[in-house]
N, C-alpha and C. Protein backbone atom coordinates (compact mmCIF):
# COMPACT_ATOMS: atom_id res chain seq x y z
N MET A 1 74.37 98.04 63.86
CA MET A 1 74.71 98.00 62.59
C MET A 1 75.73 97.09 62.27
N ALA A 2 75.53 96.36 61.09
CA ALA A 2 76.21 95.72 60.48
C ALA A 2 77.89 95.69 60.22
N ASP A 3 78.65 94.72 60.40
CA ASP A 3 80.06 95.49 60.38
C ASP A 3 80.12 95.40 59.02
N ILE A 4 81.24 96.36 58.84
CA ILE A 4 82.09 96.67 57.35
C ILE A 4 83.39 96.46 57.36
N TRP A 5 84.03 95.61 56.47
CA TRP A 5 85.26 95.49 56.17
C TRP A 5 85.85 96.04 55.11
N LEU A 6 86.95 96.97 55.08
CA LEU A 6 87.26 97.46 53.90
C LEU A 6 88.84 96.74 53.46
N MET A 7 88.75 96.42 52.06
CA MET A 7 89.96 95.73 51.26
C MET A 7 90.59 96.66 50.42
N ARG A 8 91.70 96.78 50.24
CA ARG A 8 92.58 97.16 49.44
C ARG A 8 92.85 96.30 48.05
N HIS A 9 92.47 96.64 46.81
CA HIS A 9 92.48 95.50 45.65
C HIS A 9 94.07 95.34 46.08
N GLY A 10 94.29 94.09 45.09
CA GLY A 10 95.45 93.52 44.78
C GLY A 10 96.44 93.98 43.74
N ALA A 11 97.98 93.50 43.78
CA ALA A 11 98.73 94.24 42.91
C ALA A 11 98.09 94.30 41.62
N TYR A 12 98.86 95.39 40.93
CA TYR A 12 98.12 95.65 39.34
C TYR A 12 99.38 95.61 38.50
N GLU A 13 99.35 95.57 37.37
CA GLU A 13 100.36 96.02 36.28
C GLU A 13 100.77 97.51 36.14
N GLY A 14 101.68 97.43 35.93
CA GLY A 14 102.52 98.52 36.06
C GLY A 14 102.85 99.63 37.26
N HIS A 15 102.29 98.99 38.59
CA HIS A 15 102.27 99.67 39.72
C HIS A 15 103.78 100.07 39.92
N ARG A 16 103.75 101.43 40.44
CA ARG A 16 105.32 102.17 40.80
C ARG A 16 104.92 102.96 41.79
N THR A 17 105.67 102.94 42.73
CA THR A 17 105.19 103.91 43.96
C THR A 17 105.16 105.62 43.56
N GLY A 18 104.34 106.25 43.55
CA GLY A 18 104.29 107.69 43.30
C GLY A 18 103.66 108.17 41.79
N HIS A 19 103.04 106.87 41.77
CA HIS A 19 102.35 107.05 40.07
C HIS A 19 100.99 106.87 40.30
N HIS A 20 100.10 107.76 39.40
CA HIS A 20 98.67 107.25 39.34
C HIS A 20 98.45 106.22 38.22
N ALA A 21 97.99 105.04 38.77
CA ALA A 21 97.55 104.28 37.83
C ALA A 21 96.65 104.73 36.60
N PRO A 22 96.52 103.98 35.50
CA PRO A 22 95.67 104.21 34.67
C PRO A 22 94.50 103.59 35.04
N PHE A 23 93.22 103.86 34.56
CA PHE A 23 91.87 103.06 35.06
C PHE A 23 92.00 101.94 34.31
N SER A 24 92.22 101.43 33.62
CA SER A 24 92.64 100.36 33.12
C SER A 24 93.53 99.16 33.49
N ALA A 25 94.18 99.53 34.40
CA ALA A 25 95.62 98.42 35.21
C ALA A 25 94.42 97.60 35.70
N ILE A 26 95.02 95.87 35.72
CA ILE A 26 94.62 94.79 35.83
C ILE A 26 95.46 94.32 36.80
N LEU A 27 94.93 93.13 37.44
CA LEU A 27 95.64 92.47 38.39
C LEU A 27 96.85 91.67 38.03
N THR A 28 97.93 91.60 38.73
CA THR A 28 98.84 90.68 38.17
C THR A 28 98.68 89.23 38.84
N GLU A 29 99.41 88.41 38.52
CA GLU A 29 99.25 87.06 39.18
C GLU A 29 99.41 87.12 40.52
N GLU A 30 100.46 87.98 40.85
CA GLU A 30 100.76 88.11 42.34
C GLU A 30 99.56 88.86 42.93
N GLY A 31 98.91 89.75 42.40
CA GLY A 31 97.73 90.52 42.60
C GLY A 31 96.84 89.39 43.17
N HIS A 32 96.60 88.31 42.14
CA HIS A 32 95.37 87.35 42.36
C HIS A 32 95.95 86.52 43.76
N GLU A 33 97.46 86.41 43.74
CA GLU A 33 97.91 85.43 45.15
C GLU A 33 97.31 86.18 46.44
N GLN A 34 97.71 87.56 46.17
CA GLN A 34 97.59 88.40 47.48
C GLN A 34 96.05 87.99 47.92
N VAL A 35 95.02 88.03 47.06
CA VAL A 35 93.58 88.37 47.27
C VAL A 35 93.59 86.85 47.80
N ARG A 36 94.12 85.66 47.11
CA ARG A 36 94.10 84.29 47.77
C ARG A 36 94.36 84.20 49.47
N ARG A 37 95.92 84.76 49.54
CA ARG A 37 96.23 85.07 50.81
C ARG A 37 95.58 85.68 51.87
N ALA A 38 94.76 86.55 51.59
CA ALA A 38 94.05 87.42 52.43
C ALA A 38 93.09 86.65 53.16
N LEU A 39 92.46 85.49 52.57
CA LEU A 39 91.39 84.84 52.91
C LEU A 39 92.00 83.76 54.45
N PRO A 40 91.39 83.40 55.27
CA PRO A 40 89.65 83.48 55.07
C PRO A 40 89.25 85.16 55.66
N LEU A 41 88.15 85.23 55.16
CA LEU A 41 87.77 86.83 55.80
C LEU A 41 87.30 86.58 57.28
N PRO A 42 87.13 87.77 57.59
CA PRO A 42 86.39 88.09 59.03
C PRO A 42 85.19 87.38 58.94
N ASP A 43 84.78 86.73 60.16
CA ASP A 43 83.48 86.01 60.13
C ASP A 43 82.24 86.80 60.03
N ASN A 44 81.03 86.07 59.53
CA ASN A 44 80.02 86.85 59.26
C ASN A 44 79.80 87.51 58.01
N ILE A 45 80.93 87.90 57.48
CA ILE A 45 80.47 88.57 55.92
C ILE A 45 79.44 87.96 55.23
N THR A 46 78.63 88.57 54.66
CA THR A 46 77.45 88.06 53.98
C THR A 46 77.63 88.45 52.00
N GLY A 47 78.33 89.61 51.94
CA GLY A 47 78.16 90.18 50.83
C GLY A 47 79.47 90.98 50.47
N ILE A 48 79.75 91.23 49.23
CA ILE A 48 80.89 92.24 48.96
C ILE A 48 80.20 93.64 48.12
N VAL A 49 80.66 94.59 48.19
CA VAL A 49 80.55 95.98 47.45
C VAL A 49 81.89 96.23 46.85
N THR A 50 81.86 96.79 45.57
CA THR A 50 83.16 97.03 44.71
C THR A 50 83.56 98.43 44.01
N SER A 51 84.46 98.60 43.85
CA SER A 51 84.74 99.89 43.08
C SER A 51 84.50 99.41 41.60
N PRO A 52 84.21 100.05 40.63
CA PRO A 52 84.17 99.33 39.29
C PRO A 52 85.39 99.32 38.65
N ILE A 53 86.23 100.05 39.17
CA ILE A 53 87.72 100.32 38.39
C ILE A 53 88.30 98.57 38.36
N PRO A 54 88.82 98.04 36.93
CA PRO A 54 89.16 96.64 37.19
C PRO A 54 89.97 96.04 38.33
N ARG A 55 90.86 96.76 38.60
CA ARG A 55 91.60 96.22 39.45
C ARG A 55 91.00 95.62 41.12
N ALA A 56 90.03 96.85 41.22
CA ALA A 56 89.16 96.67 42.36
C ALA A 56 88.04 95.40 42.19
N ARG A 57 87.23 95.44 41.01
CA ARG A 57 86.62 94.61 40.58
C ARG A 57 87.17 93.04 40.43
N GLN A 58 88.06 93.04 39.94
CA GLN A 58 88.91 91.69 39.82
C GLN A 58 89.03 91.14 40.92
N THR A 59 89.57 92.02 42.14
CA THR A 59 89.81 91.65 43.54
C THR A 59 88.41 91.09 44.09
N ALA A 60 87.38 91.93 43.66
CA ALA A 60 86.07 91.19 44.31
C ALA A 60 85.71 90.16 43.62
N ASP A 61 86.08 89.92 42.39
CA ASP A 61 85.32 88.85 41.57
C ASP A 61 86.34 87.59 42.38
N ARG A 62 87.47 87.68 42.54
CA ARG A 62 88.19 86.75 42.71
C ARG A 62 87.83 86.24 44.37
N VAL A 63 87.65 87.28 45.43
CA VAL A 63 86.95 86.93 46.66
C VAL A 63 86.09 86.23 46.54
N ALA A 64 84.89 86.37 45.81
CA ALA A 64 83.36 86.09 45.33
C ALA A 64 84.00 84.53 44.86
N HIS A 65 84.59 84.47 44.11
CA HIS A 65 84.99 83.33 43.71
C HIS A 65 85.47 82.14 44.69
N LEU A 66 86.14 82.72 45.63
CA LEU A 66 87.01 81.76 46.68
C LEU A 66 86.39 81.29 47.65
N THR A 67 85.24 82.40 47.89
CA THR A 67 84.35 82.05 49.09
C THR A 67 82.88 81.81 48.95
N GLY A 68 82.35 82.01 47.80
CA GLY A 68 80.90 81.78 47.62
C GLY A 68 80.18 83.27 47.63
N LEU A 69 80.80 84.32 48.14
CA LEU A 69 79.90 85.45 48.58
C LEU A 69 79.50 86.20 47.66
N PRO A 70 78.39 86.56 47.48
CA PRO A 70 77.69 87.36 46.11
C PRO A 70 78.27 88.99 46.21
N ILE A 71 78.38 89.19 45.08
CA ILE A 71 78.83 90.91 45.03
C ILE A 71 77.39 91.52 44.62
N VAL A 72 77.07 92.37 45.84
CA VAL A 72 75.73 92.68 46.24
C VAL A 72 75.54 94.25 45.35
N ALA A 73 76.88 95.00 45.11
CA ALA A 73 76.87 96.41 44.71
C ALA A 73 78.21 96.63 44.12
N THR A 74 77.87 97.56 43.06
CA THR A 74 79.16 98.08 42.56
C THR A 74 78.89 99.48 42.58
N SER A 75 79.97 100.32 42.79
CA SER A 75 79.57 101.83 43.22
C SER A 75 80.96 102.86 43.02
N GLU A 76 80.29 103.54 41.89
CA GLU A 76 81.51 104.57 41.77
C GLU A 76 81.68 105.58 42.74
N LEU A 77 81.12 105.31 44.02
CA LEU A 77 81.42 105.93 45.60
C LEU A 77 82.86 105.35 45.93
N LEU A 78 83.48 104.14 45.26
CA LEU A 78 84.27 103.68 46.03
C LEU A 78 85.48 103.72 44.96
N ALA A 79 85.30 104.41 43.92
CA ALA A 79 86.14 104.34 42.91
C ALA A 79 87.55 105.18 43.65
N GLU A 80 88.62 105.08 43.10
CA GLU A 80 90.10 105.63 43.50
C GLU A 80 89.75 107.05 43.21
N TRP A 81 90.43 108.06 43.96
CA TRP A 81 90.83 109.34 43.83
C TRP A 81 90.90 109.52 42.09
N ARG A 82 90.23 110.34 41.58
CA ARG A 82 90.28 110.88 40.21
C ARG A 82 91.30 111.57 39.87
N ALA A 83 92.56 111.36 39.53
CA ALA A 83 93.59 111.99 39.30
C ALA A 83 93.68 112.54 37.76
N PRO A 84 94.22 113.83 37.49
CA PRO A 84 93.78 114.50 36.26
C PRO A 84 94.37 113.58 35.12
N SER A 85 93.77 113.37 34.01
CA SER A 85 94.41 112.43 32.90
C SER A 85 95.83 112.87 32.59
N SER A 86 96.16 114.02 32.79
CA SER A 86 97.43 114.38 32.22
C SER A 86 98.52 113.88 33.12
N VAL A 87 98.27 113.32 34.16
CA VAL A 87 99.18 112.56 34.91
C VAL A 87 99.39 111.14 35.12
N LEU A 88 98.07 110.27 34.60
CA LEU A 88 97.87 109.01 34.73
C LEU A 88 99.17 108.17 34.12
N GLY A 89 99.57 107.37 34.91
CA GLY A 89 100.72 106.40 34.37
C GLY A 89 102.10 107.40 34.48
N ARG A 90 101.82 108.45 35.15
CA ARG A 90 103.55 109.12 35.18
C ARG A 90 103.72 108.96 36.54
N THR A 91 105.16 109.03 36.69
CA THR A 91 105.74 109.29 38.28
C THR A 91 106.03 110.37 38.60
N SER A 92 106.37 110.98 39.63
CA SER A 92 106.31 112.19 40.32
C SER A 92 107.47 112.97 39.44
N ASP A 93 108.50 112.62 38.84
CA ASP A 93 109.19 113.39 38.14
C ASP A 93 109.09 113.80 36.77
N ALA A 94 108.00 113.32 36.55
CA ALA A 94 107.31 113.76 34.97
C ALA A 94 105.85 114.17 35.23
N TYR A 95 105.84 115.06 36.20
CA TYR A 95 104.42 115.22 36.24
C TYR A 95 104.49 116.91 35.63
N PRO A 96 103.28 117.23 35.10
CA PRO A 96 103.61 118.61 34.48
C PRO A 96 103.98 119.60 35.51
N PRO A 97 104.44 120.82 35.10
CA PRO A 97 104.39 121.96 36.12
C PRO A 97 103.29 122.48 36.71
N GLY A 98 102.29 122.64 36.20
CA GLY A 98 100.90 122.92 36.62
C GLY A 98 100.08 122.16 37.65
N TYR A 99 100.70 120.79 37.67
CA TYR A 99 99.89 119.64 38.48
C TYR A 99 100.74 120.05 39.75
N GLN A 100 102.17 120.14 39.75
CA GLN A 100 103.10 120.30 40.73
C GLN A 100 102.64 121.23 41.53
N ALA A 101 102.57 122.40 40.66
CA ALA A 101 102.03 123.89 41.62
C ALA A 101 100.60 123.61 42.20
N TRP A 102 99.85 122.83 41.55
CA TRP A 102 98.81 122.61 42.04
C TRP A 102 98.90 121.78 43.49
N ARG A 103 99.65 120.81 43.60
CA ARG A 103 99.76 119.80 44.71
C ARG A 103 100.53 120.65 45.87
N THR A 104 101.24 121.85 45.37
CA THR A 104 101.63 122.66 46.94
C THR A 104 100.41 123.48 47.47
N ARG A 105 99.78 123.75 46.75
CA ARG A 105 98.33 124.60 46.85
C ARG A 105 97.21 123.76 47.69
N ARG A 106 96.97 122.51 47.15
CA ARG A 106 95.96 121.69 47.59
C ARG A 106 95.54 121.46 48.66
N LEU A 107 96.31 121.59 49.55
CA LEU A 107 95.79 121.24 51.26
C LEU A 107 95.22 122.69 51.67
N ALA A 108 96.15 124.03 51.21
CA ALA A 108 95.61 124.73 51.87
C ALA A 108 93.96 125.40 51.16
N LYS A 109 93.89 124.80 49.85
CA LYS A 109 92.63 125.24 49.28
C LYS A 109 91.96 123.98 48.26
N PRO A 110 91.43 123.04 49.29
CA PRO A 110 90.92 121.79 48.91
C PRO A 110 90.03 121.71 48.00
N SER A 111 89.28 123.05 47.61
CA SER A 111 88.25 122.93 46.40
C SER A 111 88.82 123.13 45.18
N LEU A 112 90.19 123.38 44.86
CA LEU A 112 90.98 123.54 43.79
C LEU A 112 90.94 122.29 42.93
N ARG A 113 90.58 122.38 41.98
CA ARG A 113 91.00 121.11 40.85
C ARG A 113 92.29 121.55 39.96
N PHE A 114 92.47 120.27 39.61
CA PHE A 114 93.76 120.43 38.33
C PHE A 114 93.00 119.67 37.09
N GLU A 115 93.00 120.80 36.11
CA GLU A 115 92.28 119.99 34.88
C GLU A 115 91.10 119.23 35.11
N ASP A 116 90.97 117.94 34.78
CA ASP A 116 89.77 117.24 34.72
C ASP A 116 90.02 116.13 36.09
N GLY A 117 90.75 116.57 37.01
CA GLY A 117 90.85 115.78 38.15
C GLY A 117 90.02 116.23 39.12
N GLU A 118 90.01 115.07 40.31
CA GLU A 118 88.76 115.45 41.58
C GLU A 118 89.29 116.59 42.68
N SER A 119 88.85 117.38 42.95
CA SER A 119 89.62 118.19 43.82
C SER A 119 89.50 117.27 45.24
N LEU A 120 90.21 117.70 46.14
CA LEU A 120 90.22 117.09 47.80
C LEU A 120 88.81 117.40 48.42
N ALA A 121 88.35 118.50 48.10
CA ALA A 121 86.94 118.72 48.71
C ALA A 121 86.01 117.51 48.00
N ASP A 122 85.90 117.68 46.75
CA ASP A 122 85.12 116.62 45.97
C ASP A 122 85.39 115.08 46.57
N LEU A 123 86.22 115.00 46.81
CA LEU A 123 86.89 113.61 47.26
C LEU A 123 86.41 113.15 48.62
N HIS A 124 86.48 113.99 49.48
CA HIS A 124 85.92 113.94 50.97
C HIS A 124 84.32 114.07 51.08
N THR A 125 83.89 114.86 50.09
CA THR A 125 82.27 114.48 50.01
C THR A 125 81.79 113.07 49.16
N ARG A 126 82.77 112.56 48.43
CA ARG A 126 82.31 111.52 47.92
C ARG A 126 82.40 110.31 49.01
N ALA A 127 83.66 110.59 49.62
CA ALA A 127 83.64 109.52 50.56
C ALA A 127 82.68 109.34 51.92
N ALA A 128 82.22 110.76 52.04
CA ALA A 128 81.03 111.12 53.10
C ALA A 128 80.03 110.46 52.67
N ARG A 129 79.55 110.46 51.10
CA ARG A 129 78.45 109.61 50.57
C ARG A 129 78.87 108.32 50.81
N CYS A 130 80.10 107.65 50.57
CA CYS A 130 80.00 106.76 50.36
C CYS A 130 80.00 105.90 51.84
N THR A 131 80.28 106.45 52.77
CA THR A 131 79.79 106.11 54.33
C THR A 131 78.51 105.49 54.19
N CYS A 132 77.63 106.77 54.05
CA CYS A 132 76.33 106.42 54.06
C CYS A 132 75.65 105.07 53.32
N PHE A 133 76.67 105.11 51.97
CA PHE A 133 76.10 103.92 51.01
C PHE A 133 76.17 102.59 51.69
N LEU A 134 77.78 102.48 52.29
CA LEU A 134 78.06 101.34 52.81
C LEU A 134 77.34 101.03 53.94
N ARG A 135 76.86 102.03 54.75
CA ARG A 135 75.76 101.83 56.17
C ARG A 135 74.68 101.20 55.55
N ARG A 136 73.87 101.93 54.75
CA ARG A 136 72.65 101.32 54.04
C ARG A 136 72.68 100.02 53.28
N THR A 137 73.63 99.75 52.71
CA THR A 137 73.90 98.55 52.04
C THR A 137 74.36 97.44 53.10
N ALA A 138 74.92 97.68 54.00
CA ALA A 138 74.88 96.67 55.36
C ALA A 138 73.63 96.49 55.95
N HIS A 139 72.88 97.52 55.86
CA HIS A 139 71.70 97.46 56.87
C HIS A 139 70.92 96.31 55.46
N LEU A 140 70.84 96.44 54.63
CA LEU A 140 70.15 96.14 53.95
C LEU A 140 70.80 94.13 53.68
N HIS A 141 72.26 93.96 53.46
CA HIS A 141 72.61 92.86 53.38
C HIS A 141 73.45 92.11 54.24
N GLY A 142 73.53 92.84 55.63
CA GLY A 142 74.37 92.27 56.57
C GLY A 142 75.90 92.92 56.13
N PRO A 143 76.60 92.07 57.10
CA PRO A 143 78.04 92.53 57.13
C PRO A 143 78.79 92.41 55.85
N LEU A 144 79.41 93.65 55.42
CA LEU A 144 80.29 93.64 54.11
C LEU A 144 81.50 93.70 54.18
N LEU A 145 82.04 93.49 52.59
CA LEU A 145 83.42 93.55 52.49
C LEU A 145 83.41 94.52 51.39
N ALA A 146 84.06 95.70 51.77
CA ALA A 146 84.14 96.80 50.64
C ALA A 146 85.56 96.73 49.87
N VAL A 147 85.47 96.45 48.75
CA VAL A 147 87.03 96.31 47.79
C VAL A 147 86.80 97.67 47.02
N SER A 148 88.29 98.16 47.57
CA SER A 148 88.29 99.69 46.98
C SER A 148 89.89 99.81 46.67
N HIS A 149 90.45 101.12 46.87
CA HIS A 149 91.63 101.68 46.38
C HIS A 149 91.80 102.70 47.63
N LYS A 150 93.75 102.80 47.63
CA LYS A 150 94.21 103.19 49.22
C LYS A 150 94.01 104.64 49.20
N LEU A 151 93.47 105.47 48.46
CA LEU A 151 93.48 106.81 48.66
C LEU A 151 92.00 107.04 48.99
N ILE A 152 90.71 106.47 48.47
CA ILE A 152 89.43 106.80 48.89
C ILE A 152 89.35 105.75 50.37
N LEU A 153 90.08 104.48 50.56
CA LEU A 153 89.87 104.10 51.45
C LEU A 153 90.73 104.49 52.85
N GLY A 154 91.55 105.57 52.63
CA GLY A 154 92.34 106.26 53.79
C GLY A 154 91.30 107.58 53.98
N VAL A 155 90.57 108.25 53.02
CA VAL A 155 89.90 108.98 53.07
C VAL A 155 88.69 108.82 53.81
N LEU A 156 88.29 107.44 53.67
CA LEU A 156 86.98 106.97 54.37
C LEU A 156 87.12 106.64 55.69
N THR A 157 88.69 106.17 56.06
CA THR A 157 88.96 106.01 57.44
C THR A 157 89.23 107.22 58.26
N HIS A 158 89.54 108.52 57.84
CA HIS A 158 89.78 109.61 58.26
C HIS A 158 89.05 110.51 57.94
N LEU A 159 87.72 110.63 57.73
CA LEU A 159 86.82 111.66 57.16
C LEU A 159 86.68 112.52 58.33
N ASN A 160 87.02 112.28 59.37
CA ASN A 160 86.80 113.41 60.49
C ASN A 160 87.95 114.47 60.25
N GLU A 161 89.00 114.35 59.22
CA GLU A 161 89.93 115.46 59.21
C GLU A 161 89.51 116.20 58.22
N GLY A 162 88.53 115.79 57.55
CA GLY A 162 88.05 116.96 56.73
C GLY A 162 88.78 116.73 55.28
N PRO A 163 88.77 117.47 54.12
CA PRO A 163 88.97 117.37 53.15
C PRO A 163 90.89 117.29 53.13
N THR A 164 91.44 117.51 54.38
CA THR A 164 92.90 117.17 54.18
C THR A 164 92.92 116.05 54.48
N ALA A 165 92.16 115.09 54.77
CA ALA A 165 92.55 113.60 55.07
C ALA A 165 93.16 113.09 53.89
N PHE A 166 93.15 113.59 52.72
CA PHE A 166 93.90 113.02 51.75
C PHE A 166 95.20 113.04 51.93
N ALA A 167 96.02 113.73 52.52
CA ALA A 167 97.19 113.76 53.27
C ALA A 167 97.47 112.76 53.85
N THR A 168 96.84 112.58 54.78
CA THR A 168 96.93 111.45 55.66
C THR A 168 96.97 110.02 54.97
N ALA A 169 95.56 109.89 54.19
CA ALA A 169 95.70 108.77 53.14
C ALA A 169 96.60 108.54 52.50
N ALA A 170 97.70 109.42 51.76
CA ALA A 170 98.56 109.38 50.63
C ALA A 170 99.73 108.82 51.45
N ALA A 171 100.05 109.24 52.72
CA ALA A 171 101.20 109.00 53.43
C ALA A 171 101.10 107.69 54.13
N ALA A 172 99.62 107.32 54.55
CA ALA A 172 99.59 105.94 55.13
C ALA A 172 99.97 104.85 54.06
N THR A 173 100.29 103.71 55.20
CA THR A 173 100.50 102.32 54.35
C THR A 173 99.12 101.58 54.27
N TRP A 174 98.75 101.23 53.22
CA TRP A 174 97.87 100.31 53.25
C TRP A 174 98.01 99.09 52.12
N ASN A 175 98.58 98.14 52.66
CA ASN A 175 99.17 97.00 51.63
C ASN A 175 98.02 96.61 50.85
N PHE A 176 98.60 96.11 49.72
CA PHE A 176 97.77 95.23 48.47
C PHE A 176 96.72 94.12 49.14
N ALA A 177 95.80 93.79 49.01
CA ALA A 177 94.95 92.99 49.67
C ALA A 177 94.58 92.91 51.24
N GLU A 178 94.97 94.04 51.54
CA GLU A 178 94.76 94.03 53.08
C GLU A 178 93.46 94.43 53.64
N ILE A 179 93.17 93.99 54.65
CA ILE A 179 91.41 94.05 55.07
C ILE A 179 91.46 94.70 56.57
N ARG A 180 90.81 95.66 56.96
CA ARG A 180 90.84 96.47 57.99
C ARG A 180 89.06 96.69 58.19
N ARG A 181 88.88 96.58 59.53
CA ARG A 181 87.53 97.09 59.86
C ARG A 181 87.31 98.23 59.95
N PHE A 182 85.97 98.42 59.23
CA PHE A 182 85.78 99.83 59.55
C PHE A 182 84.57 100.48 60.68
N THR A 183 85.19 101.25 61.49
CA THR A 183 84.10 101.31 62.39
C THR A 183 83.83 102.69 62.54
N SER A 184 82.69 102.73 63.55
CA SER A 184 81.72 104.06 63.56
C SER A 184 82.54 105.21 63.64
N ALA A 185 83.62 104.71 64.74
CA ALA A 185 84.62 105.84 64.90
C ALA A 185 85.51 106.67 63.63
N ASN A 186 85.50 105.73 62.92
CA ASN A 186 86.43 106.18 61.50
C ASN A 186 85.52 107.15 60.79
N ALA A 187 84.02 106.79 60.93
CA ALA A 187 83.03 107.37 59.84
C ALA A 187 82.50 108.78 60.23
């Protein structure tokens, strides 16, 4: 199987620890610079796949521009965990009480959703489907760089933990524009 590398997008406008970024958040100048500093890429990468969310897509576009690599696919499977609309752009001290209550129950009942958000079970299922997508795409195009977001990348790399991999992903450090190899042991 061809190698797959995972990259978190660069820094984006409005980033604050403990807040869910709005879909429309775009890279900052520092984010563009982080992407440049992440180069050179690991050897033999032949194509890029990306989340369609603007900050990831801008990261992928920047990598493509700087390396000459093609973007071979854009997939919703690589999109960040879909937080409920009511918490987007808010920090934890401003979350609605119902969301705070859901957060205390979500690991015990991963299939619970809050409003229009994605449940932890839904996220895990999507990550499993994403793993298959990445493997198929690498089989077709050769070694890949997949540009995505912290939580989905964390779940991808801890898929064997089941739906509670979200907790591991949320607690883990994955720096902006950091690149890690995706190994079969993770999938």
